[in-house]
Amino acid sequence: MVRLILHPLPGEKRAGKLVQTIEELYTGGRKLVVWVADENRRQILDEYLWTFRKLSFVPHAVWTRQPDMPAEPVVLTGEPVKPPGADVLVVGDDLPPIEWAQGFDEIHDFVPPGPAGEERTHLWREAGLLG
């Protein structure tokens, strides 16, 4: 069964909590896919993972369909792909396709306060991933 972990956010911004969670999962030895549907946000996150903290290093790659794609422990994507060994999905913006998300052992999502967070939680509940 898929383990869904919802991270409550204090406001609408998620970048700080997102990179902190990615770093914790990576240093814990996990291989993960970070879903960022919006290409501009994906590029911003790519750069932010290099600069968010001095002396911090999270090896990652942005998914491409190239056969020589490097095998990094963290892959940023806006396509429903699952690189070999990836067992964690981190949702960086809009919800991904639910059927694809259910193929991971663990899902991390960030829930803003108010109606937007309530709607997001409701969608996970409807998908049967939240009791």
N, C-alpha and C. Protein backbone atom coordinates (compact mmCIF):
# COMPACT_ATOMS: atom_id res chain seq x y z
N MET A 1 0.84 -1.19 0.00
CA MET A 1 0.00 0.00 0.00
C MET A 1 0.88 1.25 0.00
N VAL A 2 0.45 2.24 -0.71
CA VAL A 2 1.17 3.50 -0.82
C VAL A 2 1.04 4.28 0.48
N ARG A 3 2.15 4.83 0.92
CA ARG A 3 2.15 5.68 2.12
C ARG A 3 2.11 7.12 1.66
N LEU A 4 1.05 7.85 2.03
CA LEU A 4 0.89 9.26 1.70
C LEU A 4 1.24 10.10 2.91
N ILE A 5 2.18 11.04 2.74
CA ILE A 5 2.57 11.93 3.82
C ILE A 5 2.24 13.35 3.38
N LEU A 6 1.34 13.99 4.11
CA LEU A 6 0.95 15.37 3.81
C LEU A 6 1.72 16.30 4.73
N HIS A 7 2.36 17.30 4.14
CA HIS A 7 3.12 18.29 4.89
C HIS A 7 2.32 19.59 4.90
N PRO A 8 1.80 20.00 6.05
CA PRO A 8 1.07 21.27 6.10
C PRO A 8 2.01 22.45 5.91
N LEU A 9 1.60 23.39 5.09
CA LEU A 9 2.38 24.60 4.85
C LEU A 9 1.78 25.76 5.64
N PRO A 10 2.62 26.66 6.15
CA PRO A 10 2.09 27.82 6.87
C PRO A 10 1.45 28.86 5.95
N GLY A 11 1.80 28.83 4.66
CA GLY A 11 1.26 29.78 3.68
C GLY A 11 1.24 29.12 2.31
N GLU A 12 1.14 29.92 1.29
CA GLU A 12 1.04 29.39 -0.08
C GLU A 12 2.39 28.95 -0.64
N LYS A 13 3.49 29.50 -0.13
CA LYS A 13 4.82 29.18 -0.67
C LYS A 13 5.30 27.83 -0.16
N ARG A 14 5.85 27.04 -1.08
CA ARG A 14 6.26 25.70 -0.72
C ARG A 14 7.73 25.41 -0.98
N ALA A 15 8.46 26.28 -1.67
CA ALA A 15 9.83 25.98 -2.11
C ALA A 15 10.75 25.57 -0.97
N GLY A 16 10.73 26.30 0.14
CA GLY A 16 11.62 25.98 1.26
C GLY A 16 11.36 24.60 1.83
N LYS A 17 10.11 24.29 2.09
CA LYS A 17 9.74 22.98 2.64
C LYS A 17 10.00 21.88 1.61
N LEU A 18 9.78 22.19 0.34
CA LEU A 18 10.00 21.23 -0.73
C LEU A 18 11.47 20.80 -0.79
N VAL A 19 12.39 21.76 -0.86
CA VAL A 19 13.81 21.38 -0.96
C VAL A 19 14.31 20.74 0.33
N GLN A 20 13.79 21.15 1.47
CA GLN A 20 14.17 20.51 2.73
C GLN A 20 13.77 19.04 2.73
N THR A 21 12.56 18.75 2.27
CA THR A 21 12.08 17.37 2.20
C THR A 21 12.88 16.56 1.19
N ILE A 22 13.16 17.14 0.04
CA ILE A 22 13.97 16.46 -0.97
C ILE A 22 15.34 16.11 -0.39
N GLU A 23 15.96 17.07 0.28
CA GLU A 23 17.29 16.83 0.86
C GLU A 23 17.23 15.73 1.93
N GLU A 24 16.23 15.75 2.80
CA GLU A 24 16.09 14.73 3.84
C GLU A 24 15.92 13.34 3.23
N LEU A 25 15.08 13.24 2.21
CA LEU A 25 14.87 11.94 1.57
C LEU A 25 16.14 11.46 0.88
N TYR A 26 16.83 12.36 0.19
CA TYR A 26 18.08 11.99 -0.48
C TYR A 26 19.14 11.53 0.52
N THR A 27 19.33 12.29 1.59
CA THR A 27 20.36 11.91 2.58
C THR A 27 19.96 10.64 3.33
N GLY A 28 18.68 10.31 3.30
CA GLY A 28 18.20 9.05 3.88
C GLY A 28 18.36 7.86 2.94
N GLY A 29 18.96 8.10 1.77
CA GLY A 29 19.22 7.02 0.84
C GLY A 29 18.09 6.69 -0.12
N ARG A 30 17.10 7.53 -0.20
CA ARG A 30 15.96 7.27 -1.07
C ARG A 30 16.22 7.79 -2.48
N LYS A 31 15.61 7.12 -3.47
CA LYS A 31 15.62 7.60 -4.84
C LYS A 31 14.23 8.16 -5.11
N LEU A 32 14.18 9.38 -5.63
CA LEU A 32 12.87 10.00 -5.75
C LEU A 32 12.65 10.72 -7.06
N VAL A 33 11.38 10.85 -7.35
CA VAL A 33 10.90 11.63 -8.48
C VAL A 33 10.17 12.83 -7.88
N VAL A 34 10.50 14.01 -8.40
CA VAL A 34 9.83 15.24 -7.96
C VAL A 34 8.95 15.71 -9.10
N TRP A 35 7.65 15.69 -8.88
CA TRP A 35 6.67 16.08 -9.89
C TRP A 35 6.50 17.59 -9.86
N VAL A 36 6.88 18.24 -10.94
CA VAL A 36 6.65 19.67 -11.12
C VAL A 36 6.12 19.82 -12.54
N ALA A 37 4.82 19.93 -12.66
CA ALA A 37 4.16 19.94 -13.96
C ALA A 37 4.53 21.17 -14.78
N ASP A 38 4.69 22.30 -14.13
CA ASP A 38 4.99 23.55 -14.81
C ASP A 38 6.48 23.62 -15.14
N GLU A 39 6.80 23.76 -16.43
CA GLU A 39 8.20 23.74 -16.87
C GLU A 39 9.02 24.88 -16.26
N ASN A 40 8.44 26.07 -16.16
CA ASN A 40 9.18 27.19 -15.55
C ASN A 40 9.49 26.92 -14.08
N ARG A 41 8.54 26.40 -13.35
CA ARG A 41 8.78 26.08 -11.93
C ARG A 41 9.81 24.96 -11.81
N ARG A 42 9.78 24.02 -12.75
CA ARG A 42 10.75 22.93 -12.74
C ARG A 42 12.16 23.47 -12.92
N GLN A 43 12.35 24.44 -13.82
CA GLN A 43 13.66 25.05 -14.03
C GLN A 43 14.11 25.84 -12.80
N ILE A 44 13.18 26.53 -12.18
CA ILE A 44 13.50 27.28 -10.96
C ILE A 44 13.92 26.33 -9.85
N LEU A 45 13.19 25.23 -9.69
CA LEU A 45 13.54 24.25 -8.67
C LEU A 45 14.89 23.62 -8.96
N ASP A 46 15.17 23.34 -10.22
CA ASP A 46 16.47 22.80 -10.62
C ASP A 46 17.59 23.71 -10.11
N GLU A 47 17.48 25.00 -10.36
CA GLU A 47 18.50 25.94 -9.90
C GLU A 47 18.50 26.08 -8.38
N TYR A 48 17.33 26.08 -7.79
CA TYR A 48 17.23 26.25 -6.33
C TYR A 48 17.88 25.09 -5.58
N LEU A 49 17.80 23.89 -6.13
CA LEU A 49 18.44 22.74 -5.48
C LEU A 49 19.96 22.89 -5.43
N TRP A 50 20.54 23.70 -6.31
CA TRP A 50 21.98 23.95 -6.28
C TRP A 50 22.34 25.09 -5.34
N THR A 51 21.40 25.99 -5.06
CA THR A 51 21.75 27.24 -4.37
C THR A 51 21.04 27.46 -3.04
N PHE A 52 20.13 26.58 -2.64
CA PHE A 52 19.30 26.89 -1.47
C PHE A 52 20.07 26.96 -0.16
N ARG A 53 21.23 26.32 -0.11
CA ARG A 53 22.03 26.38 1.11
C ARG A 53 23.48 26.13 0.74
N LYS A 54 24.37 26.93 1.32
CA LYS A 54 25.80 26.70 1.10
C LYS A 54 26.17 25.33 1.65
N LEU A 55 27.09 24.69 0.99
CA LEU A 55 27.61 23.39 1.40
C LEU A 55 26.59 22.26 1.30
N SER A 56 25.47 22.51 0.67
CA SER A 56 24.47 21.47 0.49
C SER A 56 24.54 20.98 -0.94
N PHE A 57 24.40 19.68 -1.12
CA PHE A 57 24.47 19.12 -2.46
C PHE A 57 23.43 18.02 -2.60
N VAL A 58 22.49 18.22 -3.48
CA VAL A 58 21.49 17.21 -3.80
C VAL A 58 21.65 16.89 -5.28
N PRO A 59 22.31 15.77 -5.60
CA PRO A 59 22.49 15.42 -7.01
C PRO A 59 21.13 15.14 -7.66
N HIS A 60 20.88 15.82 -8.75
CA HIS A 60 19.58 15.68 -9.40
C HIS A 60 19.72 15.95 -10.89
N ALA A 61 18.67 15.61 -11.61
CA ALA A 61 18.60 15.86 -13.05
C ALA A 61 17.16 16.18 -13.41
N VAL A 62 17.01 16.93 -14.45
CA VAL A 62 15.68 17.18 -15.02
C VAL A 62 15.45 16.11 -16.07
N TRP A 63 14.32 15.43 -15.99
CA TRP A 63 14.02 14.31 -16.88
C TRP A 63 14.01 14.76 -18.33
N THR A 64 14.69 14.00 -19.15
CA THR A 64 14.63 14.16 -20.61
C THR A 64 14.41 12.78 -21.19
N ARG A 65 14.01 12.72 -22.41
CA ARG A 65 13.79 11.43 -23.06
C ARG A 65 15.05 10.91 -23.72
N GLN A 66 16.18 11.50 -23.41
CA GLN A 66 17.44 11.10 -24.01
C GLN A 66 17.92 9.77 -23.45
N PRO A 67 18.46 8.90 -24.30
CA PRO A 67 18.94 7.60 -23.81
C PRO A 67 20.14 7.70 -22.88
N ASP A 68 20.88 8.82 -22.94
CA ASP A 68 22.05 8.98 -22.09
C ASP A 68 21.76 9.79 -20.83
N MET A 69 20.51 9.81 -20.40
CA MET A 69 20.10 10.55 -19.20
C MET A 69 20.88 9.99 -18.00
N PRO A 70 21.53 10.87 -17.23
CA PRO A 70 22.28 10.38 -16.07
C PRO A 70 21.35 9.77 -15.01
N ALA A 71 21.84 8.76 -14.33
CA ALA A 71 21.05 8.09 -13.29
C ALA A 71 21.29 8.80 -11.96
N GLU A 72 20.54 9.84 -11.71
CA GLU A 72 20.65 10.61 -10.47
C GLU A 72 19.62 10.10 -9.46
N PRO A 73 19.89 10.28 -8.17
CA PRO A 73 18.94 9.82 -7.14
C PRO A 73 17.68 10.69 -7.06
N VAL A 74 17.73 11.90 -7.63
CA VAL A 74 16.58 12.80 -7.63
C VAL A 74 16.33 13.23 -9.07
N VAL A 75 15.11 13.01 -9.55
CA VAL A 75 14.75 13.37 -10.92
C VAL A 75 13.54 14.30 -10.87
N LEU A 76 13.67 15.45 -11.51
CA LEU A 76 12.58 16.41 -11.62
C LEU A 76 11.86 16.14 -12.94
N THR A 77 10.54 16.06 -12.90
CA THR A 77 9.80 15.75 -14.12
C THR A 77 8.40 16.37 -14.10
N GLY A 78 7.88 16.53 -15.29
CA GLY A 78 6.48 16.93 -15.48
C GLY A 78 5.77 15.90 -16.33
N GLU A 79 6.42 14.74 -16.48
CA GLU A 79 5.85 13.61 -17.22
C GLU A 79 5.73 12.42 -16.28
N PRO A 80 4.73 11.59 -16.47
CA PRO A 80 4.59 10.42 -15.59
C PRO A 80 5.60 9.32 -15.95
N VAL A 81 6.82 9.48 -15.44
CA VAL A 81 7.89 8.51 -15.66
C VAL A 81 8.39 8.03 -14.30
N LYS A 82 8.98 6.86 -14.30
CA LYS A 82 9.52 6.31 -13.06
C LYS A 82 10.88 5.70 -13.36
N PRO A 83 11.95 6.46 -13.10
CA PRO A 83 13.29 5.94 -13.34
C PRO A 83 13.55 4.70 -12.47
N PRO A 84 14.42 3.81 -12.92
CA PRO A 84 14.71 2.59 -12.16
C PRO A 84 15.14 2.91 -10.72
N GLY A 85 14.54 2.22 -9.78
CA GLY A 85 14.89 2.36 -8.38
C GLY A 85 14.16 3.46 -7.63
N ALA A 86 13.46 4.34 -8.33
CA ALA A 86 12.74 5.42 -7.66
C ALA A 86 11.55 4.85 -6.91
N ASP A 87 11.48 5.13 -5.61
CA ASP A 87 10.39 4.59 -4.81
C ASP A 87 9.58 5.67 -4.10
N VAL A 88 10.01 6.94 -4.22
CA VAL A 88 9.32 8.04 -3.56
C VAL A 88 8.93 9.09 -4.58
N LEU A 89 7.71 9.59 -4.45
CA LEU A 89 7.22 10.69 -5.28
C LEU A 89 7.04 11.91 -4.38
N VAL A 90 7.62 13.02 -4.78
CA VAL A 90 7.43 14.29 -4.08
C VAL A 90 6.67 15.20 -5.03
N VAL A 91 5.52 15.69 -4.58
CA VAL A 91 4.67 16.53 -5.43
C VAL A 91 5.08 17.98 -5.21
N GLY A 92 5.63 18.60 -6.27
CA GLY A 92 6.15 19.96 -6.17
C GLY A 92 5.17 21.05 -6.56
N ASP A 93 4.13 20.72 -7.28
CA ASP A 93 3.11 21.72 -7.61
C ASP A 93 1.76 21.02 -7.77
N ASP A 94 1.13 21.13 -8.93
CA ASP A 94 -0.18 20.51 -9.13
C ASP A 94 -0.11 19.00 -8.92
N LEU A 95 -1.25 18.40 -8.62
CA LEU A 95 -1.28 16.95 -8.42
C LEU A 95 -0.95 16.22 -9.72
N PRO A 96 -0.18 15.14 -9.61
CA PRO A 96 0.13 14.33 -10.78
C PRO A 96 -1.02 13.39 -11.10
N PRO A 97 -0.92 12.65 -12.21
CA PRO A 97 -1.93 11.61 -12.47
C PRO A 97 -1.94 10.61 -11.31
N ILE A 98 -3.09 10.41 -10.71
CA ILE A 98 -3.19 9.59 -9.50
C ILE A 98 -2.78 8.14 -9.75
N GLU A 99 -3.21 7.56 -10.87
CA GLU A 99 -2.84 6.16 -11.15
C GLU A 99 -1.34 5.98 -11.21
N TRP A 100 -0.64 6.93 -11.81
CA TRP A 100 0.82 6.88 -11.87
C TRP A 100 1.41 7.05 -10.47
N ALA A 101 0.90 7.99 -9.71
CA ALA A 101 1.41 8.25 -8.36
C ALA A 101 1.29 7.01 -7.48
N GLN A 102 0.26 6.22 -7.69
CA GLN A 102 0.05 5.03 -6.87
C GLN A 102 1.10 3.95 -7.13
N GLY A 103 1.97 4.14 -8.13
CA GLY A 103 3.03 3.20 -8.41
C GLY A 103 4.26 3.38 -7.53
N PHE A 104 4.24 4.38 -6.65
CA PHE A 104 5.36 4.64 -5.75
C PHE A 104 5.05 4.07 -4.37
N ASP A 105 6.08 3.78 -3.60
CA ASP A 105 5.89 3.28 -2.24
C ASP A 105 5.44 4.39 -1.30
N GLU A 106 5.89 5.60 -1.59
CA GLU A 106 5.65 6.73 -0.68
C GLU A 106 5.43 7.99 -1.51
N ILE A 107 4.47 8.81 -1.07
CA ILE A 107 4.17 10.09 -1.73
C ILE A 107 4.22 11.18 -0.67
N HIS A 108 4.91 12.27 -1.00
CA HIS A 108 4.95 13.45 -0.14
C HIS A 108 4.26 14.59 -0.88
N ASP A 109 3.30 15.22 -0.22
CA ASP A 109 2.62 16.36 -0.82
C ASP A 109 2.56 17.49 0.22
N PHE A 110 2.46 18.71 -0.27
CA PHE A 110 2.51 19.90 0.57
C PHE A 110 1.16 20.60 0.48
N VAL A 111 0.52 20.76 1.63
CA VAL A 111 -0.86 21.23 1.67
C VAL A 111 -0.90 22.65 2.25
N PRO A 112 -1.32 23.61 1.42
CA PRO A 112 -1.45 24.99 1.91
C PRO A 112 -2.66 25.12 2.82
N PRO A 113 -2.71 26.18 3.61
CA PRO A 113 -3.87 26.39 4.47
C PRO A 113 -5.10 26.81 3.66
N GLY A 114 -6.26 26.67 4.26
CA GLY A 114 -7.48 27.17 3.64
C GLY A 114 -8.09 26.25 2.60
N PRO A 115 -8.95 26.82 1.77
CA PRO A 115 -9.70 26.04 0.79
C PRO A 115 -8.81 25.25 -0.19
N ALA A 116 -7.70 25.82 -0.61
CA ALA A 116 -6.82 25.11 -1.55
C ALA A 116 -6.29 23.82 -0.92
N GLY A 117 -5.92 23.90 0.34
CA GLY A 117 -5.44 22.71 1.05
C GLY A 117 -6.54 21.70 1.29
N GLU A 118 -7.73 22.18 1.61
CA GLU A 118 -8.86 21.29 1.83
C GLU A 118 -9.22 20.54 0.54
N GLU A 119 -9.17 21.25 -0.58
CA GLU A 119 -9.47 20.62 -1.87
C GLU A 119 -8.41 19.56 -2.21
N ARG A 120 -7.16 19.89 -1.96
CA ARG A 120 -6.06 18.96 -2.24
C ARG A 120 -6.20 17.70 -1.39
N THR A 121 -6.49 17.88 -0.12
CA THR A 121 -6.68 16.75 0.78
C THR A 121 -7.87 15.90 0.33
N HIS A 122 -8.93 16.56 -0.10
CA HIS A 122 -10.12 15.86 -0.59
C HIS A 122 -9.79 15.00 -1.81
N LEU A 123 -8.98 15.52 -2.72
CA LEU A 123 -8.61 14.76 -3.91
C LEU A 123 -7.82 13.50 -3.55
N TRP A 124 -6.92 13.59 -2.58
CA TRP A 124 -6.18 12.41 -2.12
C TRP A 124 -7.14 11.40 -1.48
N ARG A 125 -8.10 11.91 -0.72
CA ARG A 125 -9.08 11.04 -0.07
C ARG A 125 -9.92 10.31 -1.12
N GLU A 126 -10.37 11.05 -2.14
CA GLU A 126 -11.15 10.44 -3.22
C GLU A 126 -10.36 9.35 -3.95
N ALA A 127 -9.05 9.52 -4.03
CA ALA A 127 -8.20 8.54 -4.70
C ALA A 127 -7.96 7.29 -3.82
N GLY A 128 -8.45 7.36 -2.59
CA GLY A 128 -8.30 6.21 -1.70
C GLY A 128 -6.95 6.14 -1.00
N LEU A 129 -6.21 7.24 -1.03
CA LEU A 129 -4.88 7.23 -0.40
C LEU A 129 -4.86 7.89 0.96
N LEU A 130 -5.99 8.40 1.38
CA LEU A 130 -6.09 9.07 2.67
C LEU A 130 -7.37 8.60 3.35
N GLY A 131 -7.22 8.15 4.58
CA GLY A 131 -8.35 7.61 5.32
C GLY A 131 -9.36 8.61 5.75
